[in-house]
Amino acid sequence: MASPNGQGDTLTIQAAEFQRLQSQLIDLRTTNYQLKEEQQKQASEIDQLNDELQTKGRELDKANKVLHRSKKAKLCLELCHSSLTCNLSLSSPIYILVSLPKLVNIPKKF
């Protein structure tokens, strides 16, 4: 089917080349579509993980505040206990007898 001037073979090759390019274009578009879908899925997953991270961060902050308050409460209880112990020991008769000469400046010779 070649023409006498040789144009027929060139047109056949060009048509085959066009078909190959057309097929390549379809493959590239399909790949692009699949990649966009994957990108959207990953972006959605990233958003979900960021939300979870923020939630966990807030929970951690709350737990740290509770722990800090708990440590303060424990320290307060220890100080109260220590104060009570000191007050009891200061008001004991033995402490008063030992401390009284120092407080009143009683001479050592009676």
PDB file of N, CA and C in Angstrom:
ATOM      1  N   MET A   1       0.795  -1.172   0.000  1.00  0.00           N
ATOM      2  CA  MET A   1       0.000   0.000   0.000  1.00  0.00           C
ATOM      3  C   MET A   1       0.847   1.250   0.000  1.00  0.00           C
ATOM      4  N   ALA A   2       2.061   1.055  -0.210  1.00  0.00           N
ATOM      5  CA  ALA A   2       2.941   2.206  -0.286  1.00  0.00           C
ATOM      6  C   ALA A   2       2.690   2.961  -1.575  1.00  0.00           C
ATOM      7  N   SER A   3       2.757   4.230  -1.466  1.00  0.00           N
ATOM      8  CA  SER A   3       2.562   5.067  -2.650  1.00  0.00           C
ATOM      9  C   SER A   3       3.863   5.137  -3.423  1.00  0.00           C
ATOM     10  N   PRO A   4       3.781   5.561  -4.652  1.00  0.00           N
ATOM     11  CA  PRO A   4       5.008   5.607  -5.437  1.00  0.00           C
ATOM     12  C   PRO A   4       6.046   6.547  -4.851  1.00  0.00           C
ATOM     13  N   ASN A   5       5.627   7.543  -4.105  1.00  0.00           N
ATOM     14  CA  ASN A   5       6.625   8.469  -3.550  1.00  0.00           C
ATOM     15  C   ASN A   5       7.115   8.037  -2.165  1.00  0.00           C
ATOM     16  N   GLY A   6       6.639   6.890  -1.611  1.00  0.00           N
ATOM     17  CA  GLY A   6       7.142   6.359  -0.341  1.00  0.00           C
ATOM     18  C   GLY A   6       6.415   6.900   0.878  1.00  0.00           C
ATOM     19  N   GLN A   7       5.369   7.635   0.711  1.00  0.00           N
ATOM     20  CA  GLN A   7       4.633   8.237   1.832  1.00  0.00           C
ATOM     21  C   GLN A   7       3.796   7.215   2.603  1.00  0.00           C
ATOM     22  N   GLY A   8       3.356   6.134   2.034  1.00  0.00           N
ATOM     23  CA  GLY A   8       2.486   5.158   2.683  1.00  0.00           C
ATOM     24  C   GLY A   8       3.139   4.494   3.873  1.00  0.00           C
ATOM     25  N   ASP A   9       4.383   4.079   3.754  1.00  0.00           N
ATOM     26  CA  ASP A   9       5.096   3.440   4.859  1.00  0.00           C
ATOM     27  C   ASP A   9       5.290   4.417   6.019  1.00  0.00           C
ATOM     28  N   THR A  10       5.569   5.623   5.713  1.00  0.00           N
ATOM     29  CA  THR A  10       5.779   6.644   6.739  1.00  0.00           C
ATOM     30  C   THR A  10       4.497   6.881   7.516  1.00  0.00           C
ATOM     31  N   LEU A  11       3.379   6.912   6.829  1.00  0.00           N
ATOM     32  CA  LEU A  11       2.102   7.110   7.515  1.00  0.00           C
ATOM     33  C   LEU A  11       1.773   5.918   8.398  1.00  0.00           C
ATOM     34  N   THR A  12       2.093   4.713   7.977  1.00  0.00           N
ATOM     35  CA  THR A  12       1.845   3.523   8.780  1.00  0.00           C
ATOM     36  C   THR A  12       2.716   3.549  10.028  1.00  0.00           C
ATOM     37  N   ILE A  13       3.948   3.910   9.900  1.00  0.00           N
ATOM     38  CA  ILE A  13       4.845   4.000  11.060  1.00  0.00           C
ATOM     39  C   ILE A  13       4.359   5.100  11.995  1.00  0.00           C
ATOM     40  N   GLN A  14       3.940   6.187  11.433  1.00  0.00           N
ATOM     41  CA  GLN A  14       3.443   7.281  12.264  1.00  0.00           C
ATOM     42  C   GLN A  14       2.180   6.866  13.010  1.00  0.00           C
ATOM     43  N   ALA A  15       1.309   6.113  12.400  1.00  0.00           N
ATOM     44  CA  ALA A  15       0.089   5.645  13.063  1.00  0.00           C
ATOM     45  C   ALA A  15       0.446   4.688  14.199  1.00  0.00           C
ATOM     46  N   ALA A  16       1.405   3.809  13.990  1.00  0.00           N
ATOM     47  CA  ALA A  16       1.840   2.879  15.039  1.00  0.00           C
ATOM     48  C   ALA A  16       2.477   3.655  16.192  1.00  0.00           C
ATOM     49  N   GLU A  17       3.283   4.638  15.826  1.00  0.00           N
ATOM     50  CA  GLU A  17       3.915   5.481  16.851  1.00  0.00           C
ATOM     51  C   GLU A  17       2.839   6.229  17.640  1.00  0.00           C
ATOM     52  N   PHE A  18       1.841   6.727  16.942  1.00  0.00           N
ATOM     53  CA  PHE A  18       0.739   7.435  17.606  1.00  0.00           C
ATOM     54  C   PHE A  18       0.007   6.496  18.570  1.00  0.00           C
ATOM     55  N   GLN A  19      -0.246   5.272  18.163  1.00  0.00           N
ATOM     56  CA  GLN A  19      -0.912   4.284  19.020  1.00  0.00           C
ATOM     57  C   GLN A  19      -0.071   3.995  20.269  1.00  0.00           C
ATOM     58  N   ARG A  20       1.235   3.877  20.065  1.00  0.00           N
ATOM     59  CA  ARG A  20       2.135   3.625  21.196  1.00  0.00           C
ATOM     60  C   ARG A  20       2.105   4.809  22.172  1.00  0.00           C
ATOM     61  N   LEU A  21       2.166   6.014  21.648  1.00  0.00           N
ATOM     62  CA  LEU A  21       2.117   7.204  22.497  1.00  0.00           C
ATOM     63  C   LEU A  21       0.768   7.319  23.211  1.00  0.00           C
ATOM     64  N   GLN A  22      -0.296   6.978  22.481  1.00  0.00           N
ATOM     65  CA  GLN A  22      -1.637   7.002  23.063  1.00  0.00           C
ATOM     66  C   GLN A  22      -1.716   6.008  24.225  1.00  0.00           C
ATOM     67  N   SER A  23      -1.171   4.833  24.058  1.00  0.00           N
ATOM     68  CA  SER A  23      -1.165   3.810  25.096  1.00  0.00           C
ATOM     69  C   SER A  23      -0.326   4.269  26.293  1.00  0.00           C
ATOM     70  N   GLN A  24       0.817   4.878  26.005  1.00  0.00           N
ATOM     71  CA  GLN A  24       1.687   5.396  27.061  1.00  0.00           C
ATOM     72  C   GLN A  24       0.964   6.486  27.855  1.00  0.00           C
ATOM     73  N   LEU A  25       0.272   7.359  27.164  1.00  0.00           N
ATOM     74  CA  LEU A  25      -0.463   8.438  27.814  1.00  0.00           C
ATOM     75  C   LEU A  25      -1.541   7.875  28.745  1.00  0.00           C
ATOM     76  N   ILE A  26      -2.244   6.871  28.286  1.00  0.00           N
ATOM     77  CA  ILE A  26      -3.279   6.241  29.121  1.00  0.00           C
ATOM     78  C   ILE A  26      -2.648   5.612  30.359  1.00  0.00           C
ATOM     79  N   ASP A  27      -1.514   4.934  30.183  1.00  0.00           N
ATOM     80  CA  ASP A  27      -0.813   4.331  31.322  1.00  0.00           C
ATOM     81  C   ASP A  27      -0.370   5.401  32.324  1.00  0.00           C
ATOM     82  N   LEU A  28       0.171   6.498  31.808  1.00  0.00           N
ATOM     83  CA  LEU A  28       0.630   7.576  32.686  1.00  0.00           C
ATOM     84  C   LEU A  28      -0.538   8.216  33.437  1.00  0.00           C
ATOM     85  N   ARG A  29      -1.652   8.402  32.759  1.00  0.00           N
ATOM     86  CA  ARG A  29      -2.831   8.973  33.425  1.00  0.00           C
ATOM     87  C   ARG A  29      -3.353   8.024  34.507  1.00  0.00           C
ATOM     88  N   THR A  30      -3.351   6.735  34.213  1.00  0.00           N
ATOM     89  CA  THR A  30      -3.799   5.746  35.202  1.00  0.00           C
ATOM     90  C   THR A  30      -2.879   5.766  36.421  1.00  0.00           C
ATOM     91  N   THR A  31      -1.573   5.784  36.166  1.00  0.00           N
ATOM     92  CA  THR A  31      -0.596   5.836  37.258  1.00  0.00           C
ATOM     93  C   THR A  31      -0.775   7.117  38.065  1.00  0.00           C
ATOM     94  N   ASN A  32      -0.968   8.233  37.378  1.00  0.00           N
ATOM     95  CA  ASN A  32      -1.166   9.516  38.050  1.00  0.00           C
ATOM     96  C   ASN A  32      -2.412   9.472  38.941  1.00  0.00           C
ATOM     97  N   TYR A  33      -3.486   8.901  38.433  1.00  0.00           N
ATOM     98  CA  TYR A  33      -4.725   8.778  39.201  1.00  0.00           C
ATOM     99  C   TYR A  33      -4.495   7.923  40.458  1.00  0.00           C
ATOM    100  N   GLN A  34      -3.790   6.813  40.289  1.00  0.00           N
ATOM    101  CA  GLN A  34      -3.511   5.930  41.426  1.00  0.00           C
ATOM    102  C   GLN A  34      -2.640   6.641  42.464  1.00  0.00           C
ATOM    103  N   LEU A  35      -1.643   7.392  41.984  1.00  0.00           N
ATOM    104  CA  LEU A  35      -0.767   8.115  42.906  1.00  0.00           C
ATOM    105  C   LEU A  35      -1.533   9.204  43.660  1.00  0.00           C
ATOM    106  N   LYS A  36      -2.449   9.877  42.975  1.00  0.00           N
ATOM    107  CA  LYS A  36      -3.254  10.900  43.649  1.00  0.00           C
ATOM    108  C   LYS A  36      -4.146  10.276  44.715  1.00  0.00           C
ATOM    109  N   GLU A  37      -4.721   9.118  44.407  1.00  0.00           N
ATOM    110  CA  GLU A  37      -5.531   8.408  45.406  1.00  0.00           C
ATOM    111  C   GLU A  37      -4.687   8.039  46.621  1.00  0.00           C
ATOM    112  N   GLU A  38      -3.504   7.513  46.364  1.00  0.00           N
ATOM    113  CA  GLU A  38      -2.596   7.126  47.458  1.00  0.00           C
ATOM    114  C   GLU A  38      -2.195   8.355  48.275  1.00  0.00           C
ATOM    115  N   GLN A  39      -1.934   9.461  47.594  1.00  0.00           N
ATOM    116  CA  GLN A  39      -1.571  10.697  48.286  1.00  0.00           C
ATOM    117  C   GLN A  39      -2.719  11.165  49.186  1.00  0.00           C
ATOM    118  N   GLN A  40      -3.937  11.101  48.697  1.00  0.00           N
ATOM    119  CA  GLN A  40      -5.091  11.504  49.502  1.00  0.00           C
ATOM    120  C   GLN A  40      -5.254  10.599  50.722  1.00  0.00           C
ATOM    121  N   LYS A  41      -5.053   9.297  50.529  1.00  0.00           N
ATOM    122  CA  LYS A  41      -5.145   8.363  51.654  1.00  0.00           C
ATOM    123  C   LYS A  41      -4.084   8.686  52.699  1.00  0.00           C
ATOM    124  N   GLN A  42      -2.856   8.938  52.228  1.00  0.00           N
ATOM    125  CA  GLN A  42      -1.769   9.232  53.159  1.00  0.00           C
ATOM    126  C   GLN A  42      -1.983  10.572  53.858  1.00  0.00           C
ATOM    127  N   ALA A  43      -2.494  11.566  53.128  1.00  0.00           N
ATOM    128  CA  ALA A  43      -2.783  12.861  53.747  1.00  0.00           C
ATOM    129  C   ALA A  43      -3.863  12.707  54.817  1.00  0.00           C
ATOM    130  N   SER A  44      -4.864  11.891  54.523  1.00  0.00           N
ATOM    131  CA  SER A  44      -5.925  11.631  55.497  1.00  0.00           C
ATOM    132  C   SER A  44      -5.359  10.925  56.731  1.00  0.00           C
ATOM    133  N   GLU A  45      -4.486   9.963  56.504  1.00  0.00           N
ATOM    134  CA  GLU A  45      -3.863   9.235  57.619  1.00  0.00           C
ATOM    135  C   GLU A  45      -2.985  10.169  58.448  1.00  0.00           C
ATOM    136  N   ILE A  46      -2.259  11.058  57.786  1.00  0.00           N
ATOM    137  CA  ILE A  46      -1.417  12.024  58.500  1.00  0.00           C
ATOM    138  C   ILE A  46      -2.282  12.933  59.364  1.00  0.00           C
ATOM    139  N   ASP A  47      -3.399  13.410  58.811  1.00  0.00           N
ATOM    140  CA  ASP A  47      -4.307  14.255  59.589  1.00  0.00           C
ATOM    141  C   ASP A  47      -4.835  13.509  60.810  1.00  0.00           C
ATOM    142  N   GLN A  48      -5.203  12.250  60.606  1.00  0.00           N
ATOM    143  CA  GLN A  48      -5.712  11.439  61.711  1.00  0.00           C
ATOM    144  C   GLN A  48      -4.632  11.245  62.778  1.00  0.00           C
ATOM    145  N   LEU A  49      -3.411  10.956  62.350  1.00  0.00           N
ATOM    146  CA  LEU A  49      -2.319  10.760  63.306  1.00  0.00           C
ATOM    147  C   LEU A  49      -1.986  12.056  64.038  1.00  0.00           C
ATOM    148  N   ASN A  50      -2.052  13.196  63.340  1.00  0.00           N
ATOM    149  CA  ASN A  50      -1.819  14.482  63.994  1.00  0.00           C
ATOM    150  C   ASN A  50      -2.889  14.760  65.046  1.00  0.00           C
ATOM    151  N   ASP A  51      -4.141  14.425  64.723  1.00  0.00           N
ATOM    152  CA  ASP A  51      -5.217  14.587  65.702  1.00  0.00           C
ATOM    153  C   ASP A  51      -4.971  13.713  66.924  1.00  0.00           C
ATOM    154  N   GLU A  52      -4.574  12.460  66.689  1.00  0.00           N
ATOM    155  CA  GLU A  52      -4.272  11.553  67.801  1.00  0.00           C
ATOM    156  C   GLU A  52      -3.102  12.079  68.627  1.00  0.00           C
ATOM    157  N   LEU A  53      -2.099  12.621  67.941  1.00  0.00           N
ATOM    158  CA  LEU A  53      -0.933  13.169  68.638  1.00  0.00           C
ATOM    159  C   LEU A  53      -1.338  14.339  69.526  1.00  0.00           C
ATOM    160  N   GLN A  54      -2.187  15.213  69.013  1.00  0.00           N
ATOM    161  CA  GLN A  54      -2.650  16.344  69.820  1.00  0.00           C
ATOM    162  C   GLN A  54      -3.462  15.863  71.015  1.00  0.00           C
ATOM    163  N   THR A  55      -4.309  14.864  70.795  1.00  0.00           N
ATOM    164  CA  THR A  55      -5.105  14.311  71.890  1.00  0.00           C
ATOM    165  C   THR A  55      -4.192  13.703  72.954  1.00  0.00           C
ATOM    166  N   LYS A  56      -3.210  12.930  72.514  1.00  0.00           N
ATOM    167  CA  LYS A  56      -2.273  12.309  73.463  1.00  0.00           C
ATOM    168  C   LYS A  56      -1.467  13.378  74.195  1.00  0.00           C
ATOM    169  N   GLY A  57      -1.100  14.447  73.487  1.00  0.00           N
ATOM    170  CA  GLY A  57      -0.367  15.543  74.122  1.00  0.00           C
ATOM    171  C   GLY A  57      -1.190  16.202  75.218  1.00  0.00           C
ATOM    172  N   ARG A  58      -2.483  16.438  74.932  1.00  0.00           N
ATOM    173  CA  ARG A  58      -3.355  17.028  75.958  1.00  0.00           C
ATOM    174  C   ARG A  58      -3.510  16.081  77.144  1.00  0.00           C
ATOM    175  N   GLU A  59      -3.649  14.782  76.868  1.00  0.00           N
ATOM    176  CA  GLU A  59      -3.763  13.801  77.952  1.00  0.00           C
ATOM    177  C   GLU A  59      -2.489  13.771  78.794  1.00  0.00           C
ATOM    178  N   LEU A  60      -1.344  13.877  78.133  1.00  0.00           N
ATOM    179  CA  LEU A  60      -0.072  13.891  78.855  1.00  0.00           C
ATOM    180  C   LEU A  60       0.038  15.135  79.728  1.00  0.00           C
ATOM    181  N   ASP A  61      -0.376  16.283  79.196  1.00  0.00           N
ATOM    182  CA  ASP A  61      -0.352  17.514  79.989  1.00  0.00           C
ATOM    183  C   ASP A  61      -1.229  17.381  81.232  1.00  0.00           C
ATOM    184  N   LYS A  62      -2.429  16.817  81.051  1.00  0.00           N
ATOM    185  CA  LYS A  62      -3.326  16.615  82.194  1.00  0.00           C
ATOM    186  C   LYS A  62      -2.692  15.684  83.223  1.00  0.00           C
ATOM    187  N   ALA A  63      -2.096  14.591  82.746  1.00  0.00           N
ATOM    188  CA  ALA A  63      -1.466  13.627  83.658  1.00  0.00           C
ATOM    189  C   ALA A  63      -0.302  14.274  84.408  1.00  0.00           C
ATOM    190  N   ASN A  64       0.480  15.094  83.707  1.00  0.00           N
ATOM    191  CA  ASN A  64       1.595  15.782  84.366  1.00  0.00           C
ATOM    192  C   ASN A  64       1.092  16.753  85.426  1.00  0.00           C
ATOM    193  N   LYS A  65      -0.026  17.450  85.136  1.00  0.00           N
ATOM    194  CA  LYS A  65      -0.593  18.373  86.122  1.00  0.00           C
ATOM    195  C   LYS A  65      -1.078  17.610  87.348  1.00  0.00           C
ATOM    196  N   VAL A  66      -1.750  16.482  87.120  1.00  0.00           N
ATOM    197  CA  VAL A  66      -2.234  15.661  88.236  1.00  0.00           C
ATOM    198  C   VAL A  66      -1.053  15.152  89.053  1.00  0.00           C
ATOM    199  N   LEU A  67      -0.015  14.704  88.371  1.00  0.00           N
ATOM    200  CA  LEU A  67       1.177  14.208  89.061  1.00  0.00           C
ATOM    201  C   LEU A  67       1.820  15.321  89.879  1.00  0.00           C
ATOM    202  N   HIS A  68       1.896  16.519  89.299  1.00  0.00           N
ATOM    203  CA  HIS A  68       2.491  17.657  89.998  1.00  0.00           C
ATOM    204  C   HIS A  68       1.663  17.998  91.242  1.00  0.00           C
ATOM    205  N   ARG A  69       0.320  18.016  91.069  1.00  0.00           N
ATOM    206  CA  ARG A  69      -0.552  18.281  92.217  1.00  0.00           C
ATOM    207  C   ARG A  69      -0.397  17.188  93.270  1.00  0.00           C
ATOM    208  N   SER A  70      -0.248  15.954  92.824  1.00  0.00           N
ATOM    209  CA  SER A  70      -0.086  14.836  93.744  1.00  0.00           C
ATOM    210  C   SER A  70       1.214  14.985  94.537  1.00  0.00           C
ATOM    211  N   LYS A  71       2.274  15.397  93.851  1.00  0.00           N
ATOM    212  CA  LYS A  71       3.552  15.604  94.544  1.00  0.00           C
ATOM    213  C   LYS A  71       3.429  16.741  95.551  1.00  0.00           C
ATOM    214  N   LYS A  72       2.710  17.811  95.163  1.00  0.00           N
ATOM    215  CA  LYS A  72       2.516  18.926  96.087  1.00  0.00           C
ATOM    216  C   LYS A  72       1.703  18.477  97.295  1.00  0.00           C
ATOM    217  N   ALA A  73       0.666  17.685  97.049  1.00  0.00           N
ATOM    218  CA  ALA A  73      -0.164  17.190  98.144  1.00  0.00           C
ATOM    219  C   ALA A  73       0.655  16.298  99.074  1.00  0.00           C
ATOM    220  N   LYS A  74       1.489  15.453  98.494  1.00  0.00           N
ATOM    221  CA  LYS A  74       2.331  14.569  99.305  1.00  0.00           C
ATOM    222  C   LYS A  74       3.297  15.402 100.140  1.00  0.00           C
ATOM    223  N   LEU A  75       3.907  16.421  99.533  1.00  0.00           N
ATOM    224  CA  LEU A  75       4.828  17.287 100.256  1.00  0.00           C
ATOM    225  C   LEU A  75       4.099  18.021 101.373  1.00  0.00           C
ATOM    226  N   CYS A  76       2.890  18.479 101.084  1.00  0.00           N
ATOM    227  CA  CYS A  76       2.090  19.172 102.098  1.00  0.00           C
ATOM    228  C   CYS A  76       1.793  18.245 103.274  1.00  0.00           C
ATOM    229  N   LEU A  77       1.410  17.012 102.966  1.00  0.00           N
ATOM    230  CA  LEU A  77       1.146  16.044 104.036  1.00  0.00           C
ATOM    231  C   LEU A  77       2.401  15.770 104.857  1.00  0.00           C
ATOM    232  N   GLU A  78       3.535  15.652 104.177  1.00  0.00           N
ATOM    233  CA  GLU A  78       4.792  15.418 104.892  1.00  0.00           C
ATOM    234  C   GLU A  78       5.128  16.601 105.798  1.00  0.00           C
ATOM    235  N   LEU A  79       4.916  17.823 105.294  1.00  0.00           N
ATOM    236  CA  LEU A  79       5.196  19.011 106.106  1.00  0.00           C
ATOM    237  C   LEU A  79       4.248  19.096 107.301  1.00  0.00           C
ATOM    238  N   CYS A  80       2.980  18.781 107.063  1.00  0.00           N
ATOM    239  CA  CYS A  80       2.014  18.788 108.171  1.00  0.00           C
ATOM    240  C   CYS A  80       2.400  17.755 109.222  1.00  0.00           C
ATOM    241  N   HIS A  81       2.776  16.577 108.768  1.00  0.00           N
ATOM    242  CA  HIS A  81       3.188  15.519 109.695  1.00  0.00           C
ATOM    243  C   HIS A  81       4.429  15.950 110.461  1.00  0.00           C
ATOM    244  N   SER A  82       5.378  16.525 109.751  1.00  0.00           N
ATOM    245  CA  SER A  82       6.608  16.983 110.392  1.00  0.00           C
ATOM    246  C   SER A  82       6.310  18.084 111.405  1.00  0.00           C
ATOM    247  N   SER A  83       5.448  19.005 111.021  1.00  0.00           N
ATOM    248  CA  SER A  83       5.080  20.097 111.920  1.00  0.00           C
ATOM    249  C   SER A  83       4.375  19.561 113.157  1.00  0.00           C
ATOM    250  N   LEU A  84       3.468  18.631 112.946  1.00  0.00           N
ATOM    251  CA  LEU A  84       2.751  18.033 114.071  1.00  0.00           C
ATOM    252  C   LEU A  84       3.721  17.300 114.991  1.00  0.00           C
ATOM    253  N   THR A  85       4.655  16.571 114.399  1.00  0.00           N
ATOM    254  CA  THR A  85       5.655  15.853 115.188  1.00  0.00           C
ATOM    255  C   THR A  85       6.502  16.832 115.993  1.00  0.00           C
ATOM    256  N   CYS A  86       6.912  17.926 115.351  1.00  0.00           N
ATOM    257  CA  CYS A  86       7.709  18.936 116.055  1.00  0.00           C
ATOM    258  C   CYS A  86       6.901  19.574 117.180  1.00  0.00           C
ATOM    259  N   ASN A  87       5.658  19.901 116.901  1.00  0.00           N
ATOM    260  CA  ASN A  87       4.814  20.513 117.935  1.00  0.00           C
ATOM    261  C   ASN A  87       4.618  19.572 119.112  1.00  0.00           C
ATOM    262  N   LEU A  88       4.422  18.300 118.820  1.00  0.00           N
ATOM    263  CA  LEU A  88       4.257  17.336 119.906  1.00  0.00           C
ATOM    264  C   LEU A  88       5.536  17.205 120.717  1.00  0.00           C
ATOM    265  N   SER A  89       6.668  17.189 120.037  1.00  0.00           N
ATOM    266  CA  SER A  89       7.918  17.032 120.778  1.00  0.00           C
ATOM    267  C   SER A  89       8.250  18.305 121.551  1.00  0.00           C
ATOM    268  N   LEU A  90       7.856  19.468 121.037  1.00  0.00           N
ATOM    269  CA  LEU A  90       8.107  20.716 121.761  1.00  0.00           C
ATOM    270  C   LEU A  90       7.228  20.833 123.002  1.00  0.00           C
ATOM    271  N   SER A  91       6.059  20.261 122.941  1.00  0.00           N
ATOM    272  CA  SER A  91       5.156  20.367 124.091  1.00  0.00           C
ATOM    273  C   SER A  91       5.318  19.207 125.070  1.00  0.00           C
ATOM    274  N   SER A  92       6.219  18.299 124.796  1.00  0.00           N
ATOM    275  CA  SER A  92       6.409  17.178 125.717  1.00  0.00           C
ATOM    276  C   SER A  92       7.100  17.676 126.987  1.00  0.00           C
ATOM    277  N   PRO A  93       6.800  17.084 128.121  1.00  0.00           N
ATOM    278  CA  PRO A  93       7.399  17.524 129.395  1.00  0.00           C
ATOM    279  C   PRO A  93       8.918  17.425 129.398  1.00  0.00           C
ATOM    280  N   ILE A  94       9.475  16.439 128.750  1.00  0.00           N
ATOM    281  CA  ILE A  94      10.929  16.284 128.738  1.00  0.00           C
ATOM    282  C   ILE A  94      11.568  17.468 128.022  1.00  0.00           C
ATOM    283  N   TYR A  95      11.026  17.871 126.920  1.00  0.00           N
ATOM    284  CA  TYR A  95      11.591  18.992 126.167  1.00  0.00           C
ATOM    285  C   TYR A  95      11.473  20.282 126.977  1.00  0.00           C
ATOM    286  N   ILE A  96      10.349  20.445 127.652  1.00  0.00           N
ATOM    287  CA  ILE A  96      10.153  21.662 128.442  1.00  0.00           C
ATOM    288  C   ILE A  96      11.177  21.721 129.569  1.00  0.00           C
ATOM    289  N   LEU A  97      11.435  20.617 130.249  1.00  0.00           N
ATOM    290  CA  LEU A  97      12.412  20.603 131.338  1.00  0.00           C
ATOM    291  C   LEU A  97      13.821  20.860 130.836  1.00  0.00           C
ATOM    292  N   VAL A  98      14.140  20.329 129.684  1.00  0.00           N
ATOM    293  CA  VAL A  98      15.484  20.514 129.150  1.00  0.00           C
ATOM    294  C   VAL A  98      15.643  21.931 128.618  1.00  0.00           C
ATOM    295  N   SER A  99      14.614  22.479 128.035  1.00  0.00           N
ATOM    296  CA  SER A  99      14.699  23.788 127.396  1.00  0.00           C
ATOM    297  C   SER A  99      14.443  24.938 128.353  1.00  0.00           C
ATOM    298  N   LEU A 100      13.752  24.703 129.423  1.00  0.00           N
ATOM    299  CA  LEU A 100      13.364  25.775 130.324  1.00  0.00           C
ATOM    300  C   LEU A 100      14.548  26.556 130.872  1.00  0.00           C
ATOM    301  N   PRO A 101      15.616  25.916 131.352  1.00  0.00           N
ATOM    302  CA  PRO A 101      16.745  26.702 131.856  1.00  0.00           C
ATOM    303  C   PRO A 101      17.330  27.617 130.787  1.00  0.00           C
ATOM    304  N   LYS A 102      17.343  27.205 129.583  1.00  0.00           N
ATOM    305  CA  LYS A 102      17.887  28.039 128.514  1.00  0.00           C
ATOM    306  C   LYS A 102      16.977  29.234 128.254  1.00  0.00           C
ATOM    307  N   LEU A 103      15.689  29.007 128.322  1.00  0.00           N
ATOM    308  CA  LEU A 103      14.739  30.072 128.021  1.00  0.00           C
ATOM    309  C   LEU A 103      14.646  31.100 129.151  1.00  0.00           C
ATOM    310  N   VAL A 104      14.755  30.652 130.396  1.00  0.00           N
ATOM    311  CA  VAL A 104      14.554  31.530 131.546  1.00  0.00           C
ATOM    312  C   VAL A 104      15.882  32.054 132.088  1.00  0.00           C
ATOM    313  N   ASN A 105      16.969  31.545 131.631  1.00  0.00           N
ATOM    314  CA  ASN A 105      18.299  31.905 132.117  1.00  0.00           C
ATOM    315  C   ASN A 105      18.441  31.635 133.620  1.00  0.00           C
ATOM    316  N   ILE A 106      18.108  30.455 133.993  1.00  0.00           N
ATOM    317  CA  ILE A 106      18.252  30.061 135.390  1.00  0.00           C
ATOM    318  C   ILE A 106      19.732  29.811 135.639  1.00  0.00           C
ATOM    319  N   PRO A 107      20.274  30.372 136.701  1.00  0.00           N
ATOM    320  CA  PRO A 107      21.690  30.125 137.007  1.00  0.00           C
ATOM    321  C   PRO A 107      21.928  28.652 137.284  1.00  0.00           C
ATOM    322  N   LYS A 108      23.112  28.226 136.974  1.00  0.00           N
ATOM    323  CA  LYS A 108      23.424  26.812 137.132  1.00  0.00           C
ATOM    324  C   LYS A 108      23.570  26.434 138.609  1.00  0.00           C
ATOM    325  N   LYS A 109      23.884  27.413 139.443  1.00  0.00           N
ATOM    326  CA  LYS A 109      23.983  27.111 140.873  1.00  0.00           C
ATOM    327  C   LYS A 109      22.640  27.411 141.513  1.00  0.00           C
ATOM    328  N   PHE A 110      22.119  26.502 142.217  1.00  0.00           N
ATOM    329  CA  PHE A 110      20.864  26.686 142.941  1.00  0.00           C
ATOM    330  C   PHE A 110      21.150  26.989 144.367  1.00  0.00           C
TER     331      PHE A 110
END
